[in-house]
Amino acid sequence: MVRDIYNKRGVLLYNVHFKDGGLANRVTDRAICGLRPVDIAWVWNVSERRRVALDEIRNLCKLSSEI
């Protein structure tokens, strides 16, 4: 198993692919909050090595109202 040497605190990291073709690499949930789910094509959870479900994307985008 390969360890993520850049993620020592256990923070979840994501790659966000936008429908316009843009890609944001290794961002935290704070960078995703406030985005519109309709603008996101897919999200990859780098830390857990899995694709994020649509309902999880909606929840990540809503986090800004709770902060």
N, C-alpha and C. Protein backbone atom coordinates (compact mmCIF):
# COMPACT_ATOMS: atom_id res chain seq x y z
N MET A 1 0.84 -1.19 0.00
CA MET A 1 0.00 0.00 0.00
C MET A 1 0.88 1.25 0.00
N VAL A 2 0.56 2.20 -0.85
CA VAL A 2 1.32 3.43 -0.96
C VAL A 2 0.71 4.47 -0.03
N ARG A 3 1.57 5.09 0.75
CA ARG A 3 1.10 6.13 1.65
C ARG A 3 1.15 7.48 0.95
N ASP A 4 0.25 8.36 1.32
CA ASP A 4 0.25 9.71 0.80
C ASP A 4 1.13 10.55 1.73
N ILE A 5 2.38 10.80 1.33
CA ILE A 5 3.31 11.48 2.22
C ILE A 5 2.99 12.96 2.39
N TYR A 6 2.15 13.52 1.52
CA TYR A 6 1.79 14.92 1.63
C TYR A 6 0.56 15.15 2.50
N ASN A 7 -0.11 14.10 2.89
CA ASN A 7 -1.34 14.21 3.66
C ASN A 7 -1.14 13.58 5.03
N LYS A 8 -0.37 14.22 5.88
CA LYS A 8 -0.05 13.66 7.18
C LYS A 8 -1.14 13.88 8.22
N ARG A 9 -2.03 14.82 8.02
CA ARG A 9 -3.06 15.12 9.02
C ARG A 9 -4.37 14.40 8.78
N GLY A 10 -4.47 13.63 7.72
CA GLY A 10 -5.70 12.91 7.45
C GLY A 10 -6.78 13.76 6.78
N VAL A 11 -6.40 14.86 6.19
CA VAL A 11 -7.34 15.73 5.49
C VAL A 11 -7.71 15.07 4.16
N LEU A 12 -9.00 15.07 3.84
CA LEU A 12 -9.44 14.50 2.58
C LEU A 12 -9.11 15.46 1.44
N LEU A 13 -8.55 14.92 0.37
CA LEU A 13 -8.19 15.70 -0.80
C LEU A 13 -9.00 15.22 -1.99
N TYR A 14 -9.36 16.15 -2.87
CA TYR A 14 -10.22 15.84 -4.00
C TYR A 14 -9.63 16.42 -5.29
N ASN A 15 -9.90 15.74 -6.40
CA ASN A 15 -9.70 16.27 -7.74
C ASN A 15 -11.08 16.58 -8.29
N VAL A 16 -11.29 17.82 -8.73
CA VAL A 16 -12.59 18.25 -9.22
C VAL A 16 -12.48 18.53 -10.71
N HIS A 17 -13.29 17.82 -11.51
CA HIS A 17 -13.32 18.04 -12.96
C HIS A 17 -14.61 18.78 -13.29
N PHE A 18 -14.44 19.95 -13.90
CA PHE A 18 -15.59 20.79 -14.23
C PHE A 18 -16.09 20.47 -15.63
N LYS A 19 -17.36 20.77 -15.88
CA LYS A 19 -17.97 20.50 -17.18
C LYS A 19 -17.35 21.33 -18.29
N ASP A 20 -16.76 22.47 -17.96
CA ASP A 20 -16.11 23.29 -18.98
C ASP A 20 -14.71 22.80 -19.32
N GLY A 21 -14.28 21.70 -18.68
CA GLY A 21 -12.99 21.10 -18.99
C GLY A 21 -11.90 21.39 -17.98
N GLY A 22 -12.14 22.29 -17.05
CA GLY A 22 -11.15 22.63 -16.04
C GLY A 22 -10.98 21.53 -15.01
N LEU A 23 -9.80 21.49 -14.39
CA LEU A 23 -9.52 20.49 -13.38
C LEU A 23 -8.81 21.14 -12.21
N ALA A 24 -9.30 20.91 -11.00
CA ALA A 24 -8.65 21.38 -9.79
C ALA A 24 -8.10 20.15 -9.07
N ASN A 25 -6.79 20.12 -8.86
CA ASN A 25 -6.14 18.95 -8.27
C ASN A 25 -5.88 19.13 -6.79
N ARG A 26 -6.12 18.08 -6.03
CA ARG A 26 -5.77 17.97 -4.62
C ARG A 26 -6.26 19.17 -3.80
N VAL A 27 -7.56 19.43 -3.89
CA VAL A 27 -8.17 20.51 -3.11
C VAL A 27 -8.90 19.92 -1.92
N THR A 28 -9.12 20.73 -0.91
CA THR A 28 -9.86 20.29 0.27
C THR A 28 -11.34 20.58 0.08
N ASP A 29 -12.14 20.13 1.04
CA ASP A 29 -13.59 20.37 0.95
C ASP A 29 -13.92 21.85 1.02
N ARG A 30 -13.08 22.66 1.65
CA ARG A 30 -13.33 24.10 1.72
C ARG A 30 -13.26 24.75 0.35
N ALA A 31 -12.43 24.22 -0.54
CA ALA A 31 -12.34 24.77 -1.89
C ALA A 31 -13.57 24.41 -2.73
N ILE A 32 -14.24 23.32 -2.37
CA ILE A 32 -15.42 22.86 -3.11
C ILE A 32 -16.68 23.56 -2.62
N CYS A 33 -16.72 23.92 -1.35
CA CYS A 33 -17.94 24.52 -0.81
C CYS A 33 -18.22 25.85 -1.49
N GLY A 34 -19.46 26.06 -1.81
CA GLY A 34 -19.86 27.26 -2.51
C GLY A 34 -19.94 27.09 -4.03
N LEU A 35 -19.39 26.01 -4.55
CA LEU A 35 -19.50 25.74 -5.98
C LEU A 35 -20.89 25.22 -6.30
N ARG A 36 -21.29 25.35 -7.54
CA ARG A 36 -22.59 24.82 -7.96
C ARG A 36 -22.40 23.40 -8.46
N PRO A 37 -23.17 22.45 -7.93
CA PRO A 37 -23.03 21.05 -8.36
C PRO A 37 -23.25 20.85 -9.86
N VAL A 38 -24.05 21.69 -10.50
CA VAL A 38 -24.31 21.55 -11.93
C VAL A 38 -23.08 21.88 -12.77
N ASP A 39 -22.12 22.60 -12.20
CA ASP A 39 -20.90 22.96 -12.92
C ASP A 39 -19.82 21.87 -12.82
N ILE A 40 -20.05 20.87 -11.98
CA ILE A 40 -19.05 19.83 -11.72
C ILE A 40 -19.41 18.57 -12.50
N ALA A 41 -18.46 18.05 -13.28
CA ALA A 41 -18.67 16.81 -14.03
C ALA A 41 -18.49 15.60 -13.11
N TRP A 42 -17.38 15.58 -12.37
CA TRP A 42 -17.14 14.50 -11.42
C TRP A 42 -16.08 14.93 -10.42
N VAL A 43 -16.03 14.22 -9.29
CA VAL A 43 -15.05 14.48 -8.23
C VAL A 43 -14.41 13.16 -7.86
N TRP A 44 -13.08 13.17 -7.74
CA TRP A 44 -12.33 11.99 -7.32
C TRP A 44 -11.76 12.27 -5.93
N ASN A 45 -12.03 11.37 -4.98
CA ASN A 45 -11.47 11.47 -3.64
C ASN A 45 -10.08 10.86 -3.68
N VAL A 46 -9.06 11.69 -3.68
CA VAL A 46 -7.67 11.24 -3.79
C VAL A 46 -7.28 10.42 -2.57
N SER A 47 -7.67 10.85 -1.40
CA SER A 47 -7.28 10.20 -0.15
C SER A 47 -7.83 8.79 -0.04
N GLU A 48 -9.06 8.59 -0.48
CA GLU A 48 -9.70 7.27 -0.38
C GLU A 48 -9.69 6.50 -1.69
N ARG A 49 -9.16 7.12 -2.75
CA ARG A 49 -9.05 6.50 -4.07
C ARG A 49 -10.39 5.98 -4.59
N ARG A 50 -11.36 6.90 -4.65
CA ARG A 50 -12.68 6.51 -5.14
C ARG A 50 -13.38 7.73 -5.73
N ARG A 51 -14.35 7.46 -6.58
CA ARG A 51 -15.16 8.52 -7.16
C ARG A 51 -16.23 8.92 -6.17
N VAL A 52 -16.52 10.19 -6.09
CA VAL A 52 -17.50 10.72 -5.14
C VAL A 52 -18.89 10.67 -5.76
N ALA A 53 -19.86 10.21 -4.98
CA ALA A 53 -21.24 10.09 -5.46
C ALA A 53 -21.88 11.48 -5.59
N LEU A 54 -22.94 11.55 -6.40
CA LEU A 54 -23.61 12.84 -6.64
C LEU A 54 -24.14 13.48 -5.37
N ASP A 55 -24.72 12.68 -4.48
CA ASP A 55 -25.23 13.27 -3.24
C ASP A 55 -24.10 13.79 -2.36
N GLU A 56 -22.93 13.16 -2.40
CA GLU A 56 -21.78 13.66 -1.66
C GLU A 56 -21.28 14.98 -2.25
N ILE A 57 -21.33 15.10 -3.57
CA ILE A 57 -20.93 16.36 -4.22
C ILE A 57 -21.86 17.48 -3.78
N ARG A 58 -23.16 17.20 -3.75
CA ARG A 58 -24.12 18.22 -3.30
C ARG A 58 -23.83 18.64 -1.86
N ASN A 59 -23.51 17.67 -1.01
CA ASN A 59 -23.19 17.99 0.39
C ASN A 59 -21.91 18.80 0.52
N LEU A 60 -20.91 18.48 -0.28
CA LEU A 60 -19.66 19.24 -0.26
C LEU A 60 -19.90 20.69 -0.70
N CYS A 61 -20.75 20.88 -1.68
CA CYS A 61 -21.05 22.22 -2.17
C CYS A 61 -21.85 23.03 -1.16
N LYS A 62 -22.65 22.38 -0.32
CA LYS A 62 -23.47 23.06 0.66
C LYS A 62 -22.70 23.43 1.92
N LEU A 63 -21.52 22.92 2.13
CA LEU A 63 -20.78 23.16 3.36
C LEU A 63 -20.56 24.63 3.66
N SER A 64 -20.54 25.47 2.65
CA SER A 64 -20.25 26.89 2.86
C SER A 64 -21.29 27.56 3.75
N SER A 65 -22.53 27.10 3.72
CA SER A 65 -23.56 27.70 4.54
C SER A 65 -23.41 27.33 6.01
N GLU A 66 -22.64 26.26 6.29
CA GLU A 66 -22.48 25.82 7.67
C GLU A 66 -21.23 26.41 8.32
N ILE A 67 -20.33 26.98 7.52
CA ILE A 67 -19.09 27.50 8.07
C ILE A 67 -19.27 28.92 8.55
